[in-house]
Amino acid sequence: MSAPREPGRDSEAAFAKRIEPAREPELSAEQRRVMQRAEEALRQRGLQGRLRGRNLLTGLGIGAVALGIYGFTFYKISQERFLDELEQEVEAARAQAAKTPVN
């Protein structure tokens, strides 16, 4: 049994070797175009991943702001007691009116 190969060392796997398409004379024009398309596809995939991450953060930020506004609104509405005070004044006025005889 042989020892596992370490990456970066010279190995028999020629497919792992990085080449510069413009400097390789044995590549045809069609092979160069295919390599350029493949590299462009890899670049686009990387950009999509970054954009997906940014979009996720933006969505979470907007959601947090919306939930914050919603929660703050409920908090403020629960503190409003002016209607309760008006109802108490109306009840007091009715009680006062009921106590005083009508002439």
PDB file of N, CA and C in Angstrom:
ATOM      1  N   MET A   1       0.837  -1.171   0.000  1.00  0.00           N
ATOM      2  CA  MET A   1       0.000   0.000   0.000  1.00  0.00           C
ATOM      3  C   MET A   1       0.887   1.241   0.000  1.00  0.00           C
ATOM      4  N   SER A   2       0.589   2.182  -0.846  1.00  0.00           N
ATOM      5  CA  SER A   2       1.433   3.376  -0.933  1.00  0.00           C
ATOM      6  C   SER A   2       0.878   4.477  -0.043  1.00  0.00           C
ATOM      7  N   ALA A   3       1.736   5.394   0.327  1.00  0.00           N
ATOM      8  CA  ALA A   3       1.337   6.515   1.174  1.00  0.00           C
ATOM      9  C   ALA A   3       0.507   7.497   0.353  1.00  0.00           C
ATOM     10  N   PRO A   4      -0.444   8.176   0.981  1.00  0.00           N
ATOM     11  CA  PRO A   4      -1.246   9.160   0.236  1.00  0.00           C
ATOM     12  C   PRO A   4      -0.369  10.307  -0.254  1.00  0.00           C
ATOM     13  N   ARG A   5      -0.746  10.806  -1.400  1.00  0.00           N
ATOM     14  CA  ARG A   5       0.030  11.910  -1.993  1.00  0.00           C
ATOM     15  C   ARG A   5      -0.371  13.229  -1.361  1.00  0.00           C
ATOM     16  N   GLU A   6       0.587  14.084  -1.197  1.00  0.00           N
ATOM     17  CA  GLU A   6       0.325  15.404  -0.650  1.00  0.00           C
ATOM     18  C   GLU A   6       0.045  16.367  -1.794  1.00  0.00           C
ATOM     19  N   PRO A   7      -0.943  17.250  -1.631  1.00  0.00           N
ATOM     20  CA  PRO A   7      -1.197  18.219  -2.696  1.00  0.00           C
ATOM     21  C   PRO A   7      -0.041  19.199  -2.817  1.00  0.00           C
ATOM     22  N   GLY A   8       0.204  19.622  -4.003  1.00  0.00           N
ATOM     23  CA  GLY A   8       1.263  20.590  -4.238  1.00  0.00           C
ATOM     24  C   GLY A   8       2.562  19.950  -4.683  1.00  0.00           C
ATOM     25  N   ARG A   9       2.739  18.695  -4.423  1.00  0.00           N
ATOM     26  CA  ARG A   9       3.948  18.002  -4.870  1.00  0.00           C
ATOM     27  C   ARG A   9       3.736  17.487  -6.275  1.00  0.00           C
ATOM     28  N   ASP A  10       4.837  17.211  -6.952  1.00  0.00           N
ATOM     29  CA  ASP A  10       4.738  16.662  -8.311  1.00  0.00           C
ATOM     30  C   ASP A  10       4.050  15.312  -8.234  1.00  0.00           C
ATOM     31  N   SER A  11       3.029  15.139  -9.001  1.00  0.00           N
ATOM     32  CA  SER A  11       2.307  13.873  -9.006  1.00  0.00           C
ATOM     33  C   SER A  11       1.981  13.507 -10.439  1.00  0.00           C
ATOM     34  N   GLU A  12       1.395  12.358 -10.588  1.00  0.00           N
ATOM     35  CA  GLU A  12       1.057  11.871 -11.915  1.00  0.00           C
ATOM     36  C   GLU A  12      -0.193  12.522 -12.465  1.00  0.00           C
ATOM     37  N   ALA A  13      -0.944  13.208 -11.639  1.00  0.00           N
ATOM     38  CA  ALA A  13      -2.212  13.800 -12.049  1.00  0.00           C
ATOM     39  C   ALA A  13      -1.951  15.095 -12.799  1.00  0.00           C
ATOM     40  N   ALA A  14      -1.939  15.023 -14.120  1.00  0.00           N
ATOM     41  CA  ALA A  14      -1.687  16.208 -14.936  1.00  0.00           C
ATOM     42  C   ALA A  14      -2.884  17.147 -14.927  1.00  0.00           C
ATOM     43  N   PHE A  15      -4.081  16.639 -14.610  1.00  0.00           N
ATOM     44  CA  PHE A  15      -5.262  17.495 -14.617  1.00  0.00           C
ATOM     45  C   PHE A  15      -5.243  18.510 -13.482  1.00  0.00           C
ATOM     46  N   ALA A  16      -4.444  18.282 -12.448  1.00  0.00           N
ATOM     47  CA  ALA A  16      -4.378  19.193 -11.323  1.00  0.00           C
ATOM     48  C   ALA A  16      -3.390  20.331 -11.559  1.00  0.00           C
ATOM     49  N   LYS A  17      -2.651  20.254 -12.620  1.00  0.00           N
ATOM     50  CA  LYS A  17      -1.639  21.267 -12.915  1.00  0.00           C
ATOM     51  C   LYS A  17      -2.316  22.533 -13.461  1.00  0.00           C
ATOM     52  N   ARG A  18      -1.968  23.663 -12.901  1.00  0.00           N
ATOM     53  CA  ARG A  18      -2.530  24.946 -13.352  1.00  0.00           C
ATOM     54  C   ARG A  18      -1.750  25.401 -14.568  1.00  0.00           C
ATOM     55  N   ILE A  19      -2.479  25.770 -15.607  1.00  0.00           N
ATOM     56  CA  ILE A  19      -1.820  26.246 -16.820  1.00  0.00           C
ATOM     57  C   ILE A  19      -2.393  27.597 -17.208  1.00  0.00           C
ATOM     58  N   GLU A  20      -1.625  28.342 -17.930  1.00  0.00           N
ATOM     59  CA  GLU A  20      -2.059  29.630 -18.473  1.00  0.00           C
ATOM     60  C   GLU A  20      -2.419  29.391 -19.939  1.00  0.00           C
ATOM     61  N   PRO A  21      -3.729  29.496 -20.288  1.00  0.00           N
ATOM     62  CA  PRO A  21      -4.143  29.154 -21.652  1.00  0.00           C
ATOM     63  C   PRO A  21      -3.443  29.967 -22.740  1.00  0.00           C
ATOM     64  N   ALA A  22      -3.148  31.218 -22.474  1.00  0.00           N
ATOM     65  CA  ALA A  22      -2.529  32.059 -23.493  1.00  0.00           C
ATOM     66  C   ALA A  22      -1.083  31.640 -23.779  1.00  0.00           C
ATOM     67  N   ARG A  23      -0.446  30.993 -22.820  1.00  0.00           N
ATOM     68  CA  ARG A  23       0.973  30.633 -22.973  1.00  0.00           C
ATOM     69  C   ARG A  23       1.187  29.182 -23.392  1.00  0.00           C
ATOM     70  N   GLU A  24       0.136  28.445 -23.595  1.00  0.00           N
ATOM     71  CA  GLU A  24       0.259  27.038 -23.990  1.00  0.00           C
ATOM     72  C   GLU A  24       0.110  26.928 -25.507  1.00  0.00           C
ATOM     73  N   PRO A  25       1.191  26.657 -26.235  1.00  0.00           N
ATOM     74  CA  PRO A  25       1.118  26.617 -27.695  1.00  0.00           C
ATOM     75  C   PRO A  25       0.342  25.407 -28.242  1.00  0.00           C
ATOM     76  N   GLU A  26       0.263  24.320 -27.472  1.00  0.00           N
ATOM     77  CA  GLU A  26      -0.411  23.132 -27.996  1.00  0.00           C
ATOM     78  C   GLU A  26      -1.935  23.191 -27.874  1.00  0.00           C
ATOM     79  N   LEU A  27      -2.478  24.227 -27.228  1.00  0.00           N
ATOM     80  CA  LEU A  27      -3.931  24.350 -27.119  1.00  0.00           C
ATOM     81  C   LEU A  27      -4.501  25.002 -28.380  1.00  0.00           C
ATOM     82  N   SER A  28      -5.617  24.465 -28.822  1.00  0.00           N
ATOM     83  CA  SER A  28      -6.270  25.066 -29.986  1.00  0.00           C
ATOM     84  C   SER A  28      -7.097  26.261 -29.529  1.00  0.00           C
ATOM     85  N   ALA A  29      -7.553  27.042 -30.485  1.00  0.00           N
ATOM     86  CA  ALA A  29      -8.373  28.214 -30.170  1.00  0.00           C
ATOM     87  C   ALA A  29      -9.673  27.785 -29.499  1.00  0.00           C
ATOM     88  N   GLU A  30     -10.243  26.687 -29.932  1.00  0.00           N
ATOM     89  CA  GLU A  30     -11.492  26.185 -29.342  1.00  0.00           C
ATOM     90  C   GLU A  30     -11.266  25.762 -27.892  1.00  0.00           C
ATOM     91  N   GLN A  31     -10.151  25.111 -27.608  1.00  0.00           N
ATOM     92  CA  GLN A  31      -9.844  24.715 -26.236  1.00  0.00           C
ATOM     93  C   GLN A  31      -9.661  25.934 -25.338  1.00  0.00           C
ATOM     94  N   ARG A  32      -9.044  26.973 -25.855  1.00  0.00           N
ATOM     95  CA  ARG A  32      -8.867  28.212 -25.085  1.00  0.00           C
ATOM     96  C   ARG A  32     -10.214  28.863 -24.769  1.00  0.00           C
ATOM     97  N   ARG A  33     -11.116  28.862 -25.780  1.00  0.00           N
ATOM     98  CA  ARG A  33     -12.453  29.441 -25.558  1.00  0.00           C
ATOM     99  C   ARG A  33     -13.218  28.655 -24.511  1.00  0.00           C
ATOM    100  N   VAL A  34     -13.123  27.347 -24.546  1.00  0.00           N
ATOM    101  CA  VAL A  34     -13.815  26.515 -23.563  1.00  0.00           C
ATOM    102  C   VAL A  34     -13.267  26.790 -22.164  1.00  0.00           C
ATOM    103  N   MET A  35     -11.961  26.914 -22.055  1.00  0.00           N
ATOM    104  CA  MET A  35     -11.356  27.204 -20.756  1.00  0.00           C
ATOM    105  C   MET A  35     -11.778  28.584 -20.250  1.00  0.00           C
ATOM    106  N   GLN A  36     -11.839  29.567 -21.132  1.00  0.00           N
ATOM    107  CA  GLN A  36     -12.265  30.896 -20.729  1.00  0.00           C
ATOM    108  C   GLN A  36     -13.718  30.889 -20.262  1.00  0.00           C
ATOM    109  N   ARG A  37     -14.570  30.142 -20.968  1.00  0.00           N
ATOM    110  CA  ARG A  37     -15.977  30.045 -20.549  1.00  0.00           C
ATOM    111  C   ARG A  37     -16.095  29.380 -19.183  1.00  0.00           C
ATOM    112  N   ALA A  38     -15.313  28.335 -18.962  1.00  0.00           N
ATOM    113  CA  ALA A  38     -15.351  27.635 -17.673  1.00  0.00           C
ATOM    114  C   ALA A  38     -14.885  28.549 -16.541  1.00  0.00           C
ATOM    115  N   GLU A  39     -13.824  29.316 -16.782  1.00  0.00           N
ATOM    116  CA  GLU A  39     -13.340  30.240 -15.764  1.00  0.00           C
ATOM    117  C   GLU A  39     -14.360  31.341 -15.487  1.00  0.00           C
ATOM    118  N   GLU A  40     -15.004  31.823 -16.529  1.00  0.00           N
ATOM    119  CA  GLU A  40     -16.034  32.846 -16.349  1.00  0.00           C
ATOM    120  C   GLU A  40     -17.212  32.292 -15.556  1.00  0.00           C
ATOM    121  N   ALA A  41     -17.593  31.053 -15.821  1.00  0.00           N
ATOM    122  CA  ALA A  41     -18.688  30.430 -15.068  1.00  0.00           C
ATOM    123  C   ALA A  41     -18.319  30.307 -13.588  1.00  0.00           C
ATOM    124  N   LEU A  42     -17.078  29.956 -13.297  1.00  0.00           N
ATOM    125  CA  LEU A  42     -16.632  29.873 -11.907  1.00  0.00           C
ATOM    126  C   LEU A  42     -16.663  31.237 -11.228  1.00  0.00           C
ATOM    127  N   ARG A  43     -16.226  32.271 -11.951  1.00  0.00           N
ATOM    128  CA  ARG A  43     -16.270  33.626 -11.401  1.00  0.00           C
ATOM    129  C   ARG A  43     -17.702  34.048 -11.102  1.00  0.00           C
ATOM    130  N   GLN A  44     -18.628  33.755 -12.030  1.00  0.00           N
ATOM    131  CA  GLN A  44     -20.024  34.117 -11.836  1.00  0.00           C
ATOM    132  C   GLN A  44     -20.613  33.392 -10.627  1.00  0.00           C
ATOM    133  N   ARG A  45     -20.254  32.114 -10.455  1.00  0.00           N
ATOM    134  CA  ARG A  45     -20.755  31.362  -9.321  1.00  0.00           C
ATOM    135  C   ARG A  45     -20.258  31.974  -8.012  1.00  0.00           C
ATOM    136  N   GLY A  46     -19.015  32.420  -8.001  1.00  0.00           N
ATOM    137  CA  GLY A  46     -18.484  33.081  -6.810  1.00  0.00           C
ATOM    138  C   GLY A  46     -19.197  34.384  -6.513  1.00  0.00           C
ATOM    139  N   LEU A  47     -19.480  35.156  -7.558  1.00  0.00           N
ATOM    140  CA  LEU A  47     -20.207  36.409  -7.370  1.00  0.00           C
ATOM    141  C   LEU A  47     -21.616  36.159  -6.871  1.00  0.00           C
ATOM    142  N   GLN A  48     -22.269  35.126  -7.383  1.00  0.00           N
ATOM    143  CA  GLN A  48     -23.624  34.809  -6.943  1.00  0.00           C
ATOM    144  C   GLN A  48     -23.645  34.437  -5.471  1.00  0.00           C
ATOM    145  N   GLY A  49     -22.634  33.726  -5.023  1.00  0.00           N
ATOM    146  CA  GLY A  49     -22.560  33.362  -3.611  1.00  0.00           C
ATOM    147  C   GLY A  49     -22.425  34.588  -2.724  1.00  0.00           C
ATOM    148  N   ARG A  50     -21.582  35.516  -3.137  1.00  0.00           N
ATOM    149  CA  ARG A  50     -21.426  36.750  -2.350  1.00  0.00           C
ATOM    150  C   ARG A  50     -22.704  37.571  -2.356  1.00  0.00           C
ATOM    151  N   LEU A  51     -23.350  37.659  -3.520  1.00  0.00           N
ATOM    152  CA  LEU A  51     -24.601  38.413  -3.592  1.00  0.00           C
ATOM    153  C   LEU A  51     -25.687  37.764  -2.745  1.00  0.00           C
ATOM    154  N   ARG A  52     -25.726  36.441  -2.747  1.00  0.00           N
ATOM    155  CA  ARG A  52     -26.719  35.734  -1.939  1.00  0.00           C
ATOM    156  C   ARG A  52     -26.512  36.065  -0.463  1.00  0.00           C
ATOM    157  N   GLY A  53     -25.266  36.118  -0.023  1.00  0.00           N
ATOM    158  CA  GLY A  53     -24.968  36.464   1.367  1.00  0.00           C
ATOM    159  C   GLY A  53     -25.373  37.894   1.692  1.00  0.00           C
ATOM    160  N   ARG A  54     -25.084  38.795   0.792  1.00  0.00           N
ATOM    161  CA  ARG A  54     -25.466  40.196   1.010  1.00  0.00           C
ATOM    162  C   ARG A  54     -26.979  40.357   1.034  1.00  0.00           C
ATOM    163  N   ASN A  55     -27.654  39.654   0.119  1.00  0.00           N
ATOM    164  CA  ASN A  55     -29.116  39.731   0.092  1.00  0.00           C
ATOM    165  C   ASN A  55     -29.719  39.170   1.373  1.00  0.00           C
ATOM    166  N   LEU A  56     -29.142  38.114   1.890  1.00  0.00           N
ATOM    167  CA  LEU A  56     -29.630  37.535   3.138  1.00  0.00           C
ATOM    168  C   LEU A  56     -29.471  38.529   4.282  1.00  0.00           C
ATOM    169  N   LEU A  57     -28.309  39.162   4.374  1.00  0.00           N
ATOM    170  CA  LEU A  57     -28.095  40.155   5.432  1.00  0.00           C
ATOM    171  C   LEU A  57     -29.038  41.342   5.291  1.00  0.00           C
ATOM    172  N   THR A  58     -29.255  41.789   4.062  1.00  0.00           N
ATOM    173  CA  THR A  58     -30.177  42.909   3.834  1.00  0.00           C
ATOM    174  C   THR A  58     -31.592  42.524   4.241  1.00  0.00           C
ATOM    175  N   GLY A  59     -32.024  41.340   3.850  1.00  0.00           N
ATOM    176  CA  GLY A  59     -33.364  40.876   4.213  1.00  0.00           C
ATOM    177  C   GLY A  59     -33.540  40.757   5.713  1.00  0.00           C
ATOM    178  N   LEU A  60     -32.526  40.214   6.398  1.00  0.00           N
ATOM    179  CA  LEU A  60     -32.605  40.104   7.852  1.00  0.00           C
ATOM    180  C   LEU A  60     -32.650  41.485   8.507  1.00  0.00           C
ATOM    181  N   GLY A  61     -31.882  42.427   7.957  1.00  0.00           N
ATOM    182  CA  GLY A  61     -31.896  43.789   8.502  1.00  0.00           C
ATOM    183  C   GLY A  61     -33.248  44.456   8.340  1.00  0.00           C
ATOM    184  N   ILE A  62     -33.826  44.330   7.153  1.00  0.00           N
ATOM    185  CA  ILE A  62     -35.146  44.929   6.909  1.00  0.00           C
ATOM    186  C   ILE A  62     -36.193  44.260   7.790  1.00  0.00           C
ATOM    187  N   GLY A  63     -36.124  42.932   7.931  1.00  0.00           N
ATOM    188  CA  GLY A  63     -37.064  42.223   8.796  1.00  0.00           C
ATOM    189  C   GLY A  63     -36.939  42.661  10.246  1.00  0.00           C
ATOM    190  N   ALA A  64     -35.702  42.860  10.712  1.00  0.00           N
ATOM    191  CA  ALA A  64     -35.489  43.296  12.089  1.00  0.00           C
ATOM    192  C   ALA A  64     -36.069  44.693  12.318  1.00  0.00           C
ATOM    193  N   VAL A  65     -35.884  45.582  11.353  1.00  0.00           N
ATOM    194  CA  VAL A  65     -36.446  46.937  11.483  1.00  0.00           C
ATOM    195  C   VAL A  65     -37.970  46.867  11.504  1.00  0.00           C
ATOM    196  N   ALA A  66     -38.563  46.065  10.616  1.00  0.00           N
ATOM    197  CA  ALA A  66     -40.025  45.952  10.569  1.00  0.00           C
ATOM    198  C   ALA A  66     -40.566  45.391  11.885  1.00  0.00           C
ATOM    199  N   LEU A  67     -39.935  44.339  12.405  1.00  0.00           N
ATOM    200  CA  LEU A  67     -40.385  43.778  13.686  1.00  0.00           C
ATOM    201  C   LEU A  67     -40.186  44.767  14.833  1.00  0.00           C
ATOM    202  N   GLY A  68     -39.118  45.545  14.780  1.00  0.00           N
ATOM    203  CA  GLY A  68     -38.890  46.563  15.800  1.00  0.00           C
ATOM    204  C   GLY A  68     -39.966  47.628  15.798  1.00  0.00           C
ATOM    205  N   ILE A  69     -40.337  48.076  14.612  1.00  0.00           N
ATOM    206  CA  ILE A  69     -41.404  49.080  14.510  1.00  0.00           C
ATOM    207  C   ILE A  69     -42.722  48.496  15.010  1.00  0.00           C
ATOM    208  N   TYR A  70     -43.010  47.262  14.625  1.00  0.00           N
ATOM    209  CA  TYR A  70     -44.231  46.584  15.047  1.00  0.00           C
ATOM    210  C   TYR A  70     -44.285  46.457  16.568  1.00  0.00           C
ATOM    211  N   GLY A  71     -43.191  46.009  17.159  1.00  0.00           N
ATOM    212  CA  GLY A  71     -43.139  45.862  18.610  1.00  0.00           C
ATOM    213  C   GLY A  71     -43.232  47.194  19.332  1.00  0.00           C
ATOM    214  N   PHE A  72     -42.564  48.214  18.813  1.00  0.00           N
ATOM    215  CA  PHE A  72     -42.616  49.539  19.425  1.00  0.00           C
ATOM    216  C   PHE A  72     -44.026  50.105  19.380  1.00  0.00           C
ATOM    217  N   THR A  73     -44.724  49.869  18.266  1.00  0.00           N
ATOM    218  CA  THR A  73     -46.102  50.349  18.140  1.00  0.00           C
ATOM    219  C   THR A  73     -46.990  49.696  19.190  1.00  0.00           C
ATOM    220  N   PHE A  74     -46.873  48.393  19.367  1.00  0.00           N
ATOM    221  CA  PHE A  74     -47.665  47.708  20.387  1.00  0.00           C
ATOM    222  C   PHE A  74     -47.327  48.228  21.778  1.00  0.00           C
ATOM    223  N   TYR A  75     -46.061  48.468  22.027  1.00  0.00           N
ATOM    224  CA  TYR A  75     -45.632  48.978  23.330  1.00  0.00           C
ATOM    225  C   TYR A  75     -46.248  50.346  23.607  1.00  0.00           C
ATOM    226  N   LYS A  76     -46.199  51.227  22.622  1.00  0.00           N
ATOM    227  CA  LYS A  76     -46.731  52.573  22.812  1.00  0.00           C
ATOM    228  C   LYS A  76     -48.247  52.561  22.956  1.00  0.00           C
ATOM    229  N   ILE A  77     -48.911  51.725  22.186  1.00  0.00           N
ATOM    230  CA  ILE A  77     -50.376  51.678  22.274  1.00  0.00           C
ATOM    231  C   ILE A  77     -50.802  51.138  23.637  1.00  0.00           C
ATOM    232  N   SER A  78     -50.063  50.193  24.176  1.00  0.00           N
ATOM    233  CA  SER A  78     -50.426  49.651  25.487  1.00  0.00           C
ATOM    234  C   SER A  78     -50.239  50.685  26.592  1.00  0.00           C
ATOM    235  N   GLN A  79     -49.447  51.703  26.368  1.00  0.00           N
ATOM    236  CA  GLN A  79     -49.231  52.736  27.370  1.00  0.00           C
ATOM    237  C   GLN A  79     -50.258  53.858  27.288  1.00  0.00           C
ATOM    238  N   GLU A  80     -51.034  53.912  26.238  1.00  0.00           N
ATOM    239  CA  GLU A  80     -52.004  54.996  26.089  1.00  0.00           C
ATOM    240  C   GLU A  80     -53.180  54.735  27.010  1.00  0.00           C
ATOM    241  N   ARG A  81     -53.367  55.630  27.952  1.00  0.00           N
ATOM    242  CA  ARG A  81     -54.420  55.475  28.953  1.00  0.00           C
ATOM    243  C   ARG A  81     -55.444  56.614  28.874  1.00  0.00           C
ATOM    244  N   PHE A  82     -55.339  57.465  27.886  1.00  0.00           N
ATOM    245  CA  PHE A  82     -56.221  58.628  27.850  1.00  0.00           C
ATOM    246  C   PHE A  82     -57.680  58.229  27.634  1.00  0.00           C
ATOM    247  N   LEU A  83     -57.946  57.149  26.903  1.00  0.00           N
ATOM    248  CA  LEU A  83     -59.326  56.703  26.728  1.00  0.00           C
ATOM    249  C   LEU A  83     -59.893  56.185  28.049  1.00  0.00           C
ATOM    250  N   ASP A  84     -59.054  55.501  28.819  1.00  0.00           N
ATOM    251  CA  ASP A  84     -59.492  55.034  30.132  1.00  0.00           C
ATOM    252  C   ASP A  84     -59.843  56.224  31.023  1.00  0.00           C
ATOM    253  N   GLU A  85     -59.043  57.264  30.994  1.00  0.00           N
ATOM    254  CA  GLU A  85     -59.294  58.455  31.797  1.00  0.00           C
ATOM    255  C   GLU A  85     -60.583  59.140  31.357  1.00  0.00           C
ATOM    256  N   LEU A  86     -60.826  59.217  30.058  1.00  0.00           N
ATOM    257  CA  LEU A  86     -62.068  59.825  29.564  1.00  0.00           C
ATOM    258  C   LEU A  86     -63.277  59.017  30.009  1.00  0.00           C
ATOM    259  N   GLU A  87     -63.194  57.711  29.957  1.00  0.00           N
ATOM    260  CA  GLU A  87     -64.309  56.867  30.397  1.00  0.00           C
ATOM    261  C   GLU A  87     -64.571  57.044  31.886  1.00  0.00           C
ATOM    262  N   GLN A  88     -63.509  57.182  32.676  1.00  0.00           N
ATOM    263  CA  GLN A  88     -63.688  57.410  34.113  1.00  0.00           C
ATOM    264  C   GLN A  88     -64.366  58.756  34.370  1.00  0.00           C
ATOM    265  N   GLU A  89     -63.992  59.789  33.614  1.00  0.00           N
ATOM    266  CA  GLU A  89     -64.626  61.102  33.773  1.00  0.00           C
ATOM    267  C   GLU A  89     -66.099  61.052  33.384  1.00  0.00           C
ATOM    268  N   VAL A  90     -66.415  60.301  32.319  1.00  0.00           N
ATOM    269  CA  VAL A  90     -67.811  60.178  31.897  1.00  0.00           C
ATOM    270  C   VAL A  90     -68.612  59.447  32.972  1.00  0.00           C
ATOM    271  N   GLU A  91     -68.074  58.375  33.535  1.00  0.00           N
ATOM    272  CA  GLU A  91     -68.753  57.639  34.603  1.00  0.00           C
ATOM    273  C   GLU A  91     -68.961  58.529  35.824  1.00  0.00           C
ATOM    274  N   ALA A  92     -67.940  59.316  36.161  1.00  0.00           N
ATOM    275  CA  ALA A  92     -68.067  60.225  37.309  1.00  0.00           C
ATOM    276  C   ALA A  92     -69.139  61.273  37.042  1.00  0.00           C
ATOM    277  N   ALA A  93     -69.192  61.778  35.807  1.00  0.00           N
ATOM    278  CA  ALA A  93     -70.210  62.777  35.466  1.00  0.00           C
ATOM    279  C   ALA A  93     -71.603  62.154  35.508  1.00  0.00           C
ATOM    280  N   ARG A  94     -71.751  60.926  35.052  1.00  0.00           N
ATOM    281  CA  ARG A  94     -73.060  60.242  35.109  1.00  0.00           C
ATOM    282  C   ARG A  94     -73.479  59.991  36.554  1.00  0.00           C
ATOM    283  N   ALA A  95     -72.507  59.581  37.373  1.00  0.00           N
ATOM    284  CA  ALA A  95     -72.826  59.340  38.778  1.00  0.00           C
ATOM    285  C   ALA A  95     -73.232  60.639  39.473  1.00  0.00           C
ATOM    286  N   GLN A  96     -72.555  61.713  39.141  1.00  0.00           N
ATOM    287  CA  GLN A  96     -72.873  63.019  39.729  1.00  0.00           C
ATOM    288  C   GLN A  96     -74.266  63.461  39.264  1.00  0.00           C
ATOM    289  N   ALA A  97     -74.571  63.223  37.989  1.00  0.00           N
ATOM    290  CA  ALA A  97     -75.873  63.619  37.443  1.00  0.00           C
ATOM    291  C   ALA A  97     -76.974  62.774  38.072  1.00  0.00           C
ATOM    292  N   ALA A  98     -76.699  61.527  38.354  1.00  0.00           N
ATOM    293  CA  ALA A  98     -77.714  60.665  38.947  1.00  0.00           C
ATOM    294  C   ALA A  98     -77.966  61.040  40.406  1.00  0.00           C
ATOM    295  N   LYS A  99     -77.007  61.590  41.115  1.00  0.00           N
ATOM    296  CA  LYS A  99     -77.151  61.972  42.505  1.00  0.00           C
ATOM    297  C   LYS A  99     -77.944  63.273  42.652  1.00  0.00           C
ATOM    298  N   THR A 100     -77.792  64.163  41.750  1.00  0.00           N
ATOM    299  CA  THR A 100     -78.481  65.439  41.845  1.00  0.00           C
ATOM    300  C   THR A 100     -79.891  65.296  41.290  1.00  0.00           C
ATOM    301  N   PRO A 101     -80.911  65.752  42.046  1.00  0.00           N
ATOM    302  CA  PRO A 101     -82.284  65.661  41.560  1.00  0.00           C
ATOM    303  C   PRO A 101     -82.556  66.665  40.443  1.00  0.00           C
ATOM    304  N   VAL A 102     -83.390  66.261  39.544  1.00  0.00           N
ATOM    305  CA  VAL A 102     -83.743  67.124  38.415  1.00  0.00           C
ATOM    306  C   VAL A 102     -84.949  67.967  38.854  1.00  0.00           C
ATOM    307  N   ASN A 103     -84.938  69.280  38.708  1.00  0.00           N
ATOM    308  CA  ASN A 103     -86.034  70.170  39.092  1.00  0.00           C
ATOM    309  C   ASN A 103     -87.009  70.351  37.997  1.00  0.00           C
TER     310      ASN A 103
END
